[in-house]
Structure formats: C-alpha cells, structure tokens
Amino acid sequence: MSKKRKQMNQDKIAAKKAAVLGTEKKRRLPLFVAVIGAVLIIAAAVFYVNQGGRVQTVTAAAPSATGSTAVTFPLSLFEDGKARHFEHKDGNFTIRYFILKSSDGIHRAAFDACDVCWPAGKGYYQEGDYMVCRNCGRRFASIRVNEVKGGCNPAPLKRMVQNDKLVIQVKDILEGKQYFNFSGKV
C-alpha cells in the first residue's frame, strides 16, 4: 500500500473513532452564521420600530364622524403618550397628521409635515418625548407640538377637546393640503 493511501486510511479510522467517542472537531461556522444572522435581524427590527417604521400608524378617514364636518377621537386612545398617525383622503390627496398627549398632559395635533422638509414626504416619528423629522433628523419636544410653527416644526393642526373626545374639523385638516401636494402643481 502506498504511503498516501495508508495515511488516508488512518485518517478515516481516526475520524470514525473520534465520532464514536464524541471527540471529533465540530464545525462551528454554521452556528456562528446563525447567531450573527439572528443578531442582524433583531437589530433591523429595533431600528425599524424606533427609526424607520410607522409601527404606530393607524389609517383612518374618520374614526367617528360627527356629521361630515369633523373627526373625533376618544382621548383614551392617547393616554399612553404615543403619537398616532392618521390619514384623511380628499380626492387625489392624502393628508397625514398625528395626535399625541404630550408630557405636560395636553392633547396635541399636527400635520405630518413642516414648512421646510414637506417636499420629501417623510413626516415624523416619535422617539421618547420627541417627534423627530425623518428627513433632517431635527427633534421637537412633545410640549412644543402645536405651539411653535414655521421652519421644520410639525405644522400645527387646530383641535379641541369636548366631552372626553378630541375633535378636529375637516376644514382644518384640508388646510394642510399644501404639505401633501407632490404633483408640482399649485
């Protein structure tokens, strides 16, 4: 028998012996790849929830219409302090806005756009007690929403509280159409 063939036989015998005794060298690459893959998936999910995704988005033309002139929302919907995003469809336009209960206990509403970044059509997401512009990254304290206007601040949306409900007039929502006209036509 040749030396090479003899060495191959000895290697096979050693591999079988190691397999039977449980002392063979285990490949750890598949496990390593699986762990790295899981970490990346978890990191992507965390990023999506905190930065990129509209996980809290609720699409509604009118959760509860009082006639066709206003939309109403139960105040209890916002007790957790999380911003809720809504849409109002008017012909070819979809006007987006959000409502939240700020850290000072006031229910606030604003268009999901501002005077500066609206052409990007990205809006805002919530990070803790701040609304953050998805386009430029500026942060706005919840207590400033619906108080400060102009610049990159979320454009205020008129609202009122009546009998445990937040009421927004449809005519006020329609005033935000300018922020959602992406056709280039005025």
N, C-alpha and C. Protein backbone atom coordinates (compact mmCIF):
# COMPACT_ATOMS: atom_id res chain seq x y z
N MET A 1 0.83 -1.17 0.00
CA MET A 1 0.00 0.00 0.00
C MET A 1 0.88 1.24 0.00
N SER A 2 0.46 2.23 -0.74
CA SER A 2 1.26 3.45 -0.82
C SER A 2 1.12 4.24 0.47
N LYS A 3 2.09 5.11 0.66
CA LYS A 3 2.11 5.93 1.87
C LYS A 3 0.87 6.83 1.94
N LYS A 4 0.50 7.38 0.80
CA LYS A 4 -0.63 8.31 0.74
C LYS A 4 -1.92 7.58 1.09
N ARG A 5 -2.09 6.38 0.52
CA ARG A 5 -3.30 5.60 0.77
C ARG A 5 -3.35 5.15 2.24
N LYS A 6 -2.22 4.79 2.78
CA LYS A 6 -2.13 4.36 4.17
C LYS A 6 -2.53 5.52 5.10
N GLN A 7 -2.05 6.71 4.79
CA GLN A 7 -2.38 7.90 5.59
C GLN A 7 -3.88 8.19 5.52
N MET A 8 -4.50 8.05 4.34
CA MET A 8 -5.93 8.28 4.18
C MET A 8 -6.73 7.29 5.02
N ASN A 9 -6.31 6.02 5.03
CA ASN A 9 -6.99 5.01 5.84
C ASN A 9 -6.88 5.34 7.32
N GLN A 10 -5.70 5.73 7.75
CA GLN A 10 -5.50 6.09 9.15
C GLN A 10 -6.36 7.30 9.52
N ASP A 11 -6.47 8.27 8.60
CA ASP A 11 -7.31 9.46 8.84
C ASP A 11 -8.78 9.06 8.98
N LYS A 12 -9.25 8.14 8.13
CA LYS A 12 -10.63 7.68 8.20
C LYS A 12 -10.88 6.96 9.51
N ILE A 13 -9.96 6.11 9.91
CA ILE A 13 -10.10 5.37 11.16
C ILE A 13 -10.14 6.35 12.33
N ALA A 14 -9.26 7.35 12.32
CA ALA A 14 -9.22 8.34 13.40
C ALA A 14 -10.52 9.14 13.44
N ALA A 15 -11.07 9.48 12.28
CA ALA A 15 -12.33 10.25 12.21
C ALA A 15 -13.47 9.42 12.77
N LYS A 16 -13.55 8.13 12.41
CA LYS A 16 -14.60 7.25 12.92
C LYS A 16 -14.49 7.11 14.43
N LYS A 17 -13.26 6.92 14.90
CA LYS A 17 -13.03 6.76 16.34
C LYS A 17 -13.46 8.03 17.09
N ALA A 18 -13.10 9.19 16.54
CA ALA A 18 -13.47 10.47 17.17
C ALA A 18 -14.99 10.65 17.17
N ALA A 19 -15.65 10.23 16.08
CA ALA A 19 -17.11 10.34 16.01
C ALA A 19 -17.77 9.45 17.05
N VAL A 20 -17.27 8.22 17.21
CA VAL A 20 -17.84 7.29 18.19
C VAL A 20 -17.60 7.79 19.60
N LEU A 21 -16.43 8.30 19.87
CA LEU A 21 -16.11 8.79 21.21
C LEU A 21 -16.61 10.21 21.48
N GLY A 22 -17.06 10.89 20.43
CA GLY A 22 -17.57 12.25 20.60
C GLY A 22 -16.48 13.29 20.74
N THR A 23 -15.30 12.98 20.25
CA THR A 23 -14.19 13.93 20.38
C THR A 23 -13.82 14.58 19.05
N GLU A 24 -14.67 14.39 18.02
CA GLU A 24 -14.31 14.97 16.72
C GLU A 24 -14.39 16.49 16.78
N LYS A 25 -13.66 17.14 15.89
CA LYS A 25 -13.69 18.60 15.79
C LYS A 25 -15.00 19.00 15.13
N LYS A 26 -15.74 19.84 15.81
CA LYS A 26 -17.04 20.25 15.28
C LYS A 26 -16.89 21.55 14.50
N ARG A 27 -17.64 21.59 13.44
CA ARG A 27 -17.65 22.83 12.65
C ARG A 27 -18.55 23.83 13.34
N ARG A 28 -18.03 24.96 13.63
CA ARG A 28 -18.79 25.97 14.34
C ARG A 28 -19.24 27.10 13.42
N LEU A 29 -18.86 27.05 12.17
CA LEU A 29 -19.22 28.10 11.23
C LEU A 29 -20.74 28.22 11.07
N PRO A 30 -21.50 27.12 10.89
CA PRO A 30 -22.95 27.27 10.75
C PRO A 30 -23.59 27.92 11.98
N LEU A 31 -23.14 27.55 13.17
CA LEU A 31 -23.67 28.16 14.38
C LEU A 31 -23.32 29.64 14.44
N PHE A 32 -22.09 29.97 14.11
CA PHE A 32 -21.65 31.36 14.09
C PHE A 32 -22.49 32.19 13.12
N VAL A 33 -22.72 31.66 11.93
CA VAL A 33 -23.52 32.36 10.92
C VAL A 33 -24.95 32.54 11.42
N ALA A 34 -25.52 31.52 12.06
CA ALA A 34 -26.88 31.61 12.58
C ALA A 34 -26.98 32.69 13.67
N VAL A 35 -26.00 32.74 14.56
CA VAL A 35 -26.01 33.73 15.64
C VAL A 35 -25.89 35.14 15.06
N ILE A 36 -24.97 35.33 14.14
CA ILE A 36 -24.81 36.66 13.51
C ILE A 36 -26.08 37.06 12.77
N GLY A 37 -26.69 36.12 12.06
CA GLY A 37 -27.94 36.39 11.34
C GLY A 37 -29.05 36.81 12.28
N ALA A 38 -29.18 36.12 13.41
CA ALA A 38 -30.20 36.46 14.40
C ALA A 38 -29.97 37.85 14.98
N VAL A 39 -28.72 38.16 15.27
CA VAL A 39 -28.39 39.50 15.81
C VAL A 39 -28.76 40.58 14.79
N LEU A 40 -28.45 40.35 13.53
CA LEU A 40 -28.77 41.34 12.49
C LEU A 40 -30.28 41.51 12.34
N ILE A 41 -31.03 40.43 12.40
CA ILE A 41 -32.48 40.52 12.28
C ILE A 41 -33.07 41.29 13.45
N ILE A 42 -32.59 41.03 14.66
CA ILE A 42 -33.07 41.75 15.84
C ILE A 42 -32.71 43.22 15.74
N ALA A 43 -31.49 43.53 15.32
CA ALA A 43 -31.07 44.92 15.18
C ALA A 43 -31.92 45.64 14.15
N ALA A 44 -32.22 44.99 13.04
CA ALA A 44 -33.06 45.60 12.00
C ALA A 44 -34.47 45.86 12.53
N ALA A 45 -35.01 44.93 13.30
CA ALA A 45 -36.35 45.12 13.86
C ALA A 45 -36.37 46.28 14.84
N VAL A 46 -35.36 46.39 15.68
CA VAL A 46 -35.28 47.50 16.64
C VAL A 46 -35.16 48.82 15.88
N PHE A 47 -34.34 48.88 14.86
CA PHE A 47 -34.21 50.10 14.06
C PHE A 47 -35.54 50.46 13.42
N TYR A 48 -36.22 49.50 12.85
CA TYR A 48 -37.50 49.76 12.18
C TYR A 48 -38.51 50.34 13.16
N VAL A 49 -38.60 49.75 14.35
CA VAL A 49 -39.56 50.23 15.33
C VAL A 49 -39.20 51.62 15.82
N ASN A 50 -37.94 51.88 16.07
CA ASN A 50 -37.54 53.16 16.65
C ASN A 50 -37.29 54.26 15.63
N GLN A 51 -36.89 53.93 14.42
CA GLN A 51 -36.48 54.96 13.48
C GLN A 51 -37.30 54.97 12.21
N GLY A 52 -37.27 53.85 11.52
CA GLY A 52 -37.74 53.85 10.15
C GLY A 52 -39.19 53.51 9.94
N GLY A 53 -39.81 52.76 10.80
CA GLY A 53 -41.14 52.28 10.50
C GLY A 53 -42.23 53.07 11.17
N ARG A 54 -43.39 53.02 10.60
CA ARG A 54 -44.55 53.65 11.19
C ARG A 54 -45.36 52.58 11.89
N VAL A 55 -44.78 51.97 12.90
CA VAL A 55 -45.45 50.88 13.59
C VAL A 55 -46.74 51.35 14.23
N GLN A 56 -46.77 52.56 14.74
CA GLN A 56 -47.95 53.09 15.40
C GLN A 56 -48.94 53.73 14.44
N THR A 57 -48.69 53.65 13.16
CA THR A 57 -49.56 54.29 12.19
C THR A 57 -50.92 53.61 12.14
N VAL A 58 -51.95 54.42 12.20
CA VAL A 58 -53.32 53.95 12.03
C VAL A 58 -53.92 54.79 10.91
N THR A 59 -54.41 54.12 9.90
CA THR A 59 -55.01 54.86 8.80
C THR A 59 -56.51 54.93 9.05
N ALA A 60 -57.03 56.16 9.07
CA ALA A 60 -58.46 56.34 9.28
C ALA A 60 -58.90 57.64 8.67
N ALA A 61 -59.95 57.60 7.91
CA ALA A 61 -60.51 58.83 7.36
C ALA A 61 -61.28 59.55 8.46
N ALA A 62 -62.02 58.82 9.25
CA ALA A 62 -62.77 59.40 10.34
C ALA A 62 -63.13 58.29 11.33
N PRO A 63 -62.40 58.18 12.44
CA PRO A 63 -62.73 57.14 13.40
C PRO A 63 -64.18 57.24 13.87
N SER A 64 -64.63 58.43 14.08
CA SER A 64 -66.02 58.64 14.46
C SER A 64 -66.41 60.00 13.92
N ALA A 65 -67.19 60.03 12.89
CA ALA A 65 -67.52 61.30 12.24
C ALA A 65 -68.72 61.94 12.94
N THR A 66 -68.61 63.21 13.23
CA THR A 66 -69.74 63.97 13.74
C THR A 66 -70.25 64.74 12.53
N GLY A 67 -71.21 64.15 11.85
CA GLY A 67 -71.62 64.68 10.55
C GLY A 67 -70.49 64.39 9.60
N SER A 68 -70.27 65.25 8.65
CA SER A 68 -69.12 65.09 7.77
C SER A 68 -68.19 66.29 7.92
N THR A 69 -68.37 67.04 8.99
CA THR A 69 -67.59 68.26 9.16
C THR A 69 -66.45 68.12 10.15
N ALA A 70 -66.41 67.01 10.89
CA ALA A 70 -65.36 66.85 11.89
C ALA A 70 -65.04 65.37 12.08
N VAL A 71 -63.84 65.11 12.58
CA VAL A 71 -63.48 63.76 13.01
C VAL A 71 -63.21 63.83 14.51
N THR A 72 -63.59 62.76 15.20
CA THR A 72 -63.40 62.73 16.64
C THR A 72 -62.63 61.48 17.03
N PHE A 73 -61.90 61.61 18.12
CA PHE A 73 -61.09 60.52 18.65
C PHE A 73 -61.30 60.48 20.16
N PRO A 74 -61.45 59.30 20.73
CA PRO A 74 -61.55 59.24 22.20
C PRO A 74 -60.20 59.61 22.81
N LEU A 75 -60.22 60.45 23.83
CA LEU A 75 -58.97 60.87 24.47
C LEU A 75 -58.19 59.68 25.03
N SER A 76 -58.90 58.65 25.42
CA SER A 76 -58.24 57.46 25.99
C SER A 76 -57.27 56.81 25.00
N LEU A 77 -57.46 57.03 23.71
CA LEU A 77 -56.57 56.47 22.69
C LEU A 77 -55.14 57.00 22.83
N PHE A 78 -54.99 58.17 23.45
CA PHE A 78 -53.67 58.82 23.51
C PHE A 78 -53.08 58.86 24.91
N GLU A 79 -53.70 58.18 25.86
CA GLU A 79 -53.25 58.23 27.25
C GLU A 79 -51.83 57.70 27.44
N ASP A 80 -51.35 56.83 26.56
CA ASP A 80 -50.02 56.26 26.72
C ASP A 80 -48.91 57.21 26.25
N GLY A 81 -49.29 58.37 25.72
CA GLY A 81 -48.29 59.36 25.28
C GLY A 81 -47.67 59.05 23.93
N LYS A 82 -48.12 57.99 23.27
CA LYS A 82 -47.57 57.63 21.96
C LYS A 82 -48.32 58.37 20.86
N ALA A 83 -47.56 58.87 19.90
CA ALA A 83 -48.16 59.55 18.76
C ALA A 83 -48.88 58.53 17.89
N ARG A 84 -50.06 58.90 17.43
CA ARG A 84 -50.81 58.07 16.49
C ARG A 84 -50.91 58.85 15.18
N HIS A 85 -50.62 58.18 14.08
CA HIS A 85 -50.67 58.82 12.77
C HIS A 85 -51.98 58.46 12.07
N PHE A 86 -52.56 59.45 11.41
CA PHE A 86 -53.83 59.27 10.71
C PHE A 86 -53.72 59.86 9.31
N GLU A 87 -54.66 59.46 8.47
CA GLU A 87 -54.73 59.98 7.11
C GLU A 87 -56.15 60.42 6.81
N HIS A 88 -56.27 61.50 6.06
CA HIS A 88 -57.55 61.95 5.55
C HIS A 88 -57.43 62.01 4.04
N LYS A 89 -58.26 61.24 3.34
CA LYS A 89 -58.20 61.22 1.89
C LYS A 89 -59.20 62.22 1.35
N ASP A 90 -58.72 63.06 0.41
CA ASP A 90 -59.56 64.07 -0.23
C ASP A 90 -59.20 64.09 -1.71
N GLY A 91 -59.96 63.38 -2.51
CA GLY A 91 -59.66 63.32 -3.94
C GLY A 91 -58.33 62.65 -4.17
N ASN A 92 -57.42 63.34 -4.84
CA ASN A 92 -56.09 62.80 -5.15
C ASN A 92 -55.09 63.02 -4.02
N PHE A 93 -55.52 63.65 -2.95
CA PHE A 93 -54.61 63.98 -1.85
C PHE A 93 -54.86 63.07 -0.65
N THR A 94 -53.79 62.72 0.01
CA THR A 94 -53.88 62.05 1.30
C THR A 94 -53.13 62.96 2.27
N ILE A 95 -53.89 63.52 3.18
CA ILE A 95 -53.31 64.45 4.15
C ILE A 95 -53.03 63.66 5.43
N ARG A 96 -51.77 63.67 5.85
CA ARG A 96 -51.35 62.91 7.03
C ARG A 96 -51.19 63.85 8.23
N TYR A 97 -51.57 63.35 9.38
CA TYR A 97 -51.39 64.12 10.61
C TYR A 97 -51.20 63.15 11.77
N PHE A 98 -50.73 63.69 12.88
CA PHE A 98 -50.57 62.85 14.07
C PHE A 98 -51.14 63.57 15.27
N ILE A 99 -51.49 62.77 16.27
CA ILE A 99 -52.04 63.27 17.53
C ILE A 99 -51.28 62.56 18.65
N LEU A 100 -50.98 63.29 19.71
CA LEU A 100 -50.35 62.69 20.88
C LEU A 100 -50.72 63.47 22.12
N LYS A 101 -50.58 62.82 23.25
CA LYS A 101 -50.72 63.51 24.53
C LYS A 101 -49.30 63.80 24.97
N SER A 102 -48.97 65.09 25.07
CA SER A 102 -47.59 65.47 25.39
C SER A 102 -47.29 65.25 26.87
N SER A 103 -46.04 65.40 27.21
CA SER A 103 -45.60 65.13 28.59
C SER A 103 -46.21 66.09 29.60
N ASP A 104 -46.75 67.23 29.15
CA ASP A 104 -47.43 68.14 30.07
C ASP A 104 -48.93 67.87 30.15
N GLY A 105 -49.38 66.77 29.54
CA GLY A 105 -50.77 66.34 29.66
C GLY A 105 -51.73 66.94 28.65
N ILE A 106 -51.24 67.67 27.68
CA ILE A 106 -52.11 68.31 26.68
C ILE A 106 -52.16 67.44 25.43
N HIS A 107 -53.36 67.31 24.89
CA HIS A 107 -53.53 66.57 23.64
C HIS A 107 -53.21 67.52 22.49
N ARG A 108 -52.30 67.09 21.63
CA ARG A 108 -51.80 67.96 20.56
C ARG A 108 -51.97 67.27 19.21
N ALA A 109 -52.10 68.09 18.17
CA ALA A 109 -52.23 67.57 16.81
C ALA A 109 -51.39 68.41 15.87
N ALA A 110 -50.82 67.77 14.87
CA ALA A 110 -50.01 68.48 13.88
C ALA A 110 -50.02 67.68 12.58
N PHE A 111 -49.80 68.38 11.49
CA PHE A 111 -49.64 67.70 10.21
C PHE A 111 -48.33 66.92 10.24
N ASP A 112 -48.29 65.84 9.53
CA ASP A 112 -47.08 65.01 9.48
C ASP A 112 -46.14 65.59 8.42
N ALA A 113 -45.90 66.90 8.55
CA ALA A 113 -45.08 67.65 7.59
C ALA A 113 -44.73 69.00 8.22
N CYS A 114 -43.79 69.71 7.58
CA CYS A 114 -43.40 71.03 8.06
C CYS A 114 -43.16 71.95 6.87
N ASP A 115 -42.88 73.21 7.15
CA ASP A 115 -42.65 74.20 6.09
C ASP A 115 -41.37 73.95 5.31
N VAL A 116 -40.42 73.25 5.89
CA VAL A 116 -39.11 73.06 5.25
C VAL A 116 -39.02 71.71 4.52
N CYS A 117 -39.28 70.65 5.21
CA CYS A 117 -39.00 69.30 4.68
C CYS A 117 -40.19 68.64 4.00
N TRP A 118 -41.34 69.30 3.91
CA TRP A 118 -42.52 68.64 3.36
C TRP A 118 -42.32 68.04 1.97
N PRO A 119 -41.48 68.66 1.08
CA PRO A 119 -41.34 68.05 -0.26
C PRO A 119 -40.78 66.62 -0.23
N ALA A 120 -40.07 66.26 0.83
CA ALA A 120 -39.52 64.91 0.94
C ALA A 120 -40.62 63.90 1.26
N GLY A 121 -41.74 64.37 1.82
CA GLY A 121 -42.88 63.49 2.11
C GLY A 121 -42.61 62.45 3.17
N LYS A 122 -41.69 62.72 4.10
CA LYS A 122 -41.31 61.70 5.08
C LYS A 122 -41.99 61.83 6.44
N GLY A 123 -42.33 63.02 6.87
CA GLY A 123 -43.02 63.19 8.13
C GLY A 123 -42.14 62.98 9.35
N TYR A 124 -42.78 62.58 10.45
CA TYR A 124 -42.13 62.47 11.75
C TYR A 124 -42.35 61.10 12.37
N TYR A 125 -41.45 60.73 13.27
CA TYR A 125 -41.64 59.55 14.11
C TYR A 125 -41.36 59.98 15.53
N GLN A 126 -41.86 59.21 16.48
CA GLN A 126 -41.68 59.54 17.89
C GLN A 126 -40.50 58.78 18.46
N GLU A 127 -39.71 59.49 19.24
CA GLU A 127 -38.61 58.89 19.98
C GLU A 127 -38.68 59.45 21.39
N GLY A 128 -39.21 58.66 22.29
CA GLY A 128 -39.40 59.14 23.66
C GLY A 128 -40.38 60.30 23.70
N ASP A 129 -39.95 61.41 24.27
CA ASP A 129 -40.80 62.60 24.38
C ASP A 129 -40.57 63.57 23.22
N TYR A 130 -40.01 63.10 22.13
CA TYR A 130 -39.71 63.96 20.98
C TYR A 130 -40.33 63.42 19.71
N MET A 131 -40.71 64.32 18.83
CA MET A 131 -41.07 63.96 17.46
C MET A 131 -39.84 64.31 16.63
N VAL A 132 -39.42 63.39 15.78
CA VAL A 132 -38.18 63.54 15.02
C VAL A 132 -38.50 63.56 13.53
N CYS A 133 -37.96 64.55 12.82
CA CYS A 133 -38.16 64.67 11.38
C CYS A 133 -37.41 63.53 10.68
N ARG A 134 -38.11 62.77 9.85
CA ARG A 134 -37.49 61.65 9.12
C ARG A 134 -36.57 62.15 8.01
N ASN A 135 -36.67 63.42 7.65
CA ASN A 135 -35.84 63.95 6.56
C ASN A 135 -34.54 64.55 7.09
N CYS A 136 -34.64 65.45 8.05
CA CYS A 136 -33.43 66.16 8.50
C CYS A 136 -32.95 65.72 9.88
N GLY A 137 -33.78 64.97 10.61
CA GLY A 137 -33.36 64.46 11.91
C GLY A 137 -33.57 65.42 13.09
N ARG A 138 -34.12 66.61 12.84
CA ARG A 138 -34.36 67.54 13.96
C ARG A 138 -35.38 66.95 14.91
N ARG A 139 -35.22 67.27 16.19
CA ARG A 139 -36.07 66.74 17.25
C ARG A 139 -36.89 67.87 17.86
N PHE A 140 -38.15 67.56 18.15
CA PHE A 140 -39.06 68.56 18.71
C PHE A 140 -39.76 67.98 19.92
N ALA A 141 -39.60 68.65 21.06
CA ALA A 141 -40.22 68.20 22.30
C ALA A 141 -41.74 68.15 22.13
N SER A 142 -42.37 67.15 22.71
CA SER A 142 -43.82 66.99 22.56
C SER A 142 -44.58 68.23 23.03
N ILE A 143 -44.06 68.93 24.04
CA ILE A 143 -44.77 70.11 24.56
C ILE A 143 -44.72 71.30 23.60
N ARG A 144 -43.91 71.21 22.55
CA ARG A 144 -43.81 72.28 21.56
C ARG A 144 -44.69 72.02 20.33
N VAL A 145 -45.18 70.78 20.20
CA VAL A 145 -46.04 70.44 19.07
C VAL A 145 -47.33 71.24 19.19
N ASN A 146 -47.75 71.84 18.10
CA ASN A 146 -48.96 72.64 18.01
C ASN A 146 -48.81 73.99 18.70
N GLU A 147 -47.63 74.30 19.21
CA GLU A 147 -47.35 75.59 19.83
C GLU A 147 -46.46 76.44 18.94
N VAL A 148 -45.42 75.82 18.38
CA VAL A 148 -44.45 76.53 17.57
C VAL A 148 -44.72 76.18 16.11
N LYS A 149 -44.73 77.20 15.26
CA LYS A 149 -44.94 76.92 13.84
C LYS A 149 -43.84 77.54 13.01
N GLY A 150 -43.72 77.05 11.78
CA GLY A 150 -42.69 77.55 10.88
C GLY A 150 -41.43 76.73 10.98
N GLY A 151 -40.58 76.88 9.99
CA GLY A 151 -39.33 76.12 9.96
C GLY A 151 -39.61 74.64 9.83
N CYS A 152 -38.85 73.83 10.56
CA CYS A 152 -39.01 72.38 10.48
C CYS A 152 -39.91 71.86 11.59
N ASN A 153 -40.59 72.73 12.31
CA ASN A 153 -41.53 72.29 13.34
C ASN A 153 -42.73 71.62 12.69
N PRO A 154 -43.28 70.59 13.30
CA PRO A 154 -44.50 69.99 12.75
C PRO A 154 -45.57 71.09 12.61
N ALA A 155 -46.16 71.19 11.43
CA ALA A 155 -47.16 72.24 11.18
C ALA A 155 -48.39 71.99 12.05
N PRO A 156 -48.78 72.99 12.87
CA PRO A 156 -49.90 72.81 13.80
C PRO A 156 -51.21 72.52 13.09
N LEU A 157 -52.04 71.72 13.74
CA LEU A 157 -53.37 71.39 13.26
C LEU A 157 -54.34 71.74 14.38
N LYS A 158 -55.33 72.59 14.08
CA LYS A 158 -56.30 73.01 15.09
C LYS A 158 -57.07 71.79 15.58
N ARG A 159 -57.30 71.78 16.89
CA ARG A 159 -58.06 70.72 17.51
C ARG A 159 -58.70 71.27 18.77
N MET A 160 -59.73 70.58 19.27
CA MET A 160 -60.34 70.98 20.54
C MET A 160 -60.79 69.72 21.27
N VAL A 161 -60.90 69.85 22.58
CA VAL A 161 -61.35 68.74 23.41
C VAL A 161 -62.77 69.04 23.85
N GLN A 162 -63.66 68.06 23.60
CA GLN A 162 -65.06 68.19 24.01
C GLN A 162 -65.52 66.84 24.57
N ASN A 163 -65.95 66.82 25.81
CA ASN A 163 -66.53 65.62 26.41
C ASN A 163 -65.69 64.36 26.19
N ASP A 164 -64.48 64.36 26.64
CA ASP A 164 -63.59 63.19 26.54
C ASP A 164 -63.29 62.77 25.10
N LYS A 165 -63.41 63.71 24.18
CA LYS A 165 -63.09 63.44 22.78
C LYS A 165 -62.24 64.58 22.24
N LEU A 166 -61.31 64.22 21.35
CA LEU A 166 -60.54 65.23 20.63
C LEU A 166 -61.24 65.41 19.29
N VAL A 167 -61.55 66.64 18.95
CA VAL A 167 -62.32 66.93 17.74
C VAL A 167 -61.46 67.79 16.80
N ILE A 168 -61.41 67.37 15.54
CA ILE A 168 -60.70 68.14 14.51
C ILE A 168 -61.69 68.38 13.37
N GLN A 169 -61.83 69.63 13.00
CA GLN A 169 -62.71 69.98 11.88
C GLN A 169 -62.07 69.54 10.57
N VAL A 170 -62.87 68.97 9.67
CA VAL A 170 -62.36 68.54 8.37
C VAL A 170 -61.78 69.72 7.60
N LYS A 171 -62.41 70.90 7.70
CA LYS A 171 -61.88 72.09 7.00
C LYS A 171 -60.48 72.43 7.47
N ASP A 172 -60.18 72.18 8.75
CA ASP A 172 -58.83 72.43 9.27
C ASP A 172 -57.84 71.40 8.73
N ILE A 173 -58.28 70.16 8.60
CA ILE A 173 -57.42 69.14 8.01
C ILE A 173 -57.09 69.51 6.57
N LEU A 174 -58.11 69.97 5.84
CA LEU A 174 -57.92 70.32 4.43
C LEU A 174 -56.96 71.50 4.23
N GLU A 175 -56.79 72.33 5.26
CA GLU A 175 -55.83 73.42 5.16
C GLU A 175 -54.40 72.91 5.06
N GLY A 176 -54.16 71.67 5.40
CA GLY A 176 -52.83 71.09 5.30
C GLY A 176 -52.53 70.49 3.93
N LYS A 177 -53.44 70.63 2.99
CA LYS A 177 -53.27 70.05 1.66
C LYS A 177 -51.97 70.50 1.00
N GLN A 178 -51.55 71.72 1.29
CA GLN A 178 -50.31 72.26 0.69
C GLN A 178 -49.09 71.40 1.01
N TYR A 179 -49.10 70.73 2.15
CA TYR A 179 -47.95 69.92 2.56
C TYR A 179 -47.91 68.55 1.88
N PHE A 180 -48.98 68.21 1.18
CA PHE A 180 -49.07 66.88 0.58
C PHE A 180 -49.34 66.93 -0.91
N ASN A 181 -49.07 68.08 -1.52
CA ASN A 181 -49.21 68.24 -2.97
C ASN A 181 -47.84 67.97 -3.59
N PHE A 182 -47.63 66.75 -4.02
CA PHE A 182 -46.33 66.35 -4.58
C PHE A 182 -46.35 66.39 -6.10
N SER A 183 -47.44 66.91 -6.67
CA SER A 183 -47.57 66.92 -8.13
C SER A 183 -46.79 68.07 -8.77
N GLY A 184 -46.42 69.06 -7.98
CA GLY A 184 -45.71 70.22 -8.53
C GLY A 184 -46.68 71.31 -8.97
N LYS A 185 -47.97 71.00 -8.97
CA LYS A 185 -48.98 71.99 -9.33
C LYS A 185 -49.46 72.70 -8.09
N VAL A 186 -49.70 73.98 -8.20
CA VAL A 186 -50.14 74.75 -7.03
C VAL A 186 -51.63 74.81 -6.97
